[in-house]
């Protein structure tokens, strides 16, 4: 009976519990306390923990004043919204895009214009048409294994978007939390590589180490970062230096590279299980084919809505996310995001099988 089945959650993009490097972080925390205890437990500069900023600057070929660390990366969107946006200002995003970023942009009364996302990145013609009407303060874009679709922007489109940013004078806000998690295929240069004078690059250690370290990073213009640091100071005086100190020791000792390889080995079969299960159970449903990251997505057939499938799935103890939350101005009625990293291949296959039953129920009704 379906009510005897365990619940499967295809909802939030959380890391797998077994991916969390508890033992290595115990060592990192102890080393951080031994080496920087008083600094970590005291107030500090709003820019973040200096040794970690120095390590990140050296790793990325930047000066230290081009690195700012916050309590998670979403707070970067919040701070940049305070800096850039006046009510009614235009911001471009991909369509669909990360729902929590949309929430913050709308909180600041931005006019959000979505640029249709294709399997290889934003539709350039749609972007050019939007630029003929608006110059955005920034274009928020997740070019690698995008949330929620899993799509990756091609090199050709990255170059075109970078050129348009230069021509029209808007910032690219590049969100790169999944960039290190490539399981196959060829890595493309980041927007920060292609257009460093026009790009603010953000990422976090959330998907690599764990959400609990609350360590987000912003790389870019020293002038912009100085203003963001002032906003940060006026928000929380200083960020969570304890977590940043632990992350520093984790990175400094080479554990980050080992951890990335471990989680790629863990997650790659889970993505493949998702693709295989969809091919088996849902051969007629349009699906993305990511090469890494945390997400893939589906578009249901005509007449089948996310809301109806979500309701039908409850009978099978399957929880799904609202597809419309990822669309800034309506749409997404047939869209479904599938996060796979926190589920085993067996759970994924079972979950997709239940999803297929829910879709058939909706089609039959």
Foldseek 3Di string as FASTA:
>chain_A
DLVVDAFDEQADLAFAPVLAPVVLLVVLLVVLCVVPVVVLVDFDFQQADQLLLVVVCVVVVHDSLQKRKAQAQLVVLLLVCVVQDAAAAEEEEAVQADLSSLVSNVVNNYDYDHFYADLQGGDVVSVVVVLVPHDHQEYEYAQALGPFAGHHHDQVVLLVVLVVCVVRVHAYEYEYAWQLWFLDDDRHDDNCVVRQQRYWYKYACCNQNHSVLSIIMIGGDSVVSVSSSVVSCVVPVHHNRSSVSSVSSCVVVPVSVVSSVVLSVQCVVQLVLLVVLCVVQPVPWDKRRHRTDFKHKTFGDPPFFPVQLQVLLVSNSYHFYQQQSRGNPDDRRRMGMGGGNNDHSVSSNVNSNSSSVSRVVSVVD
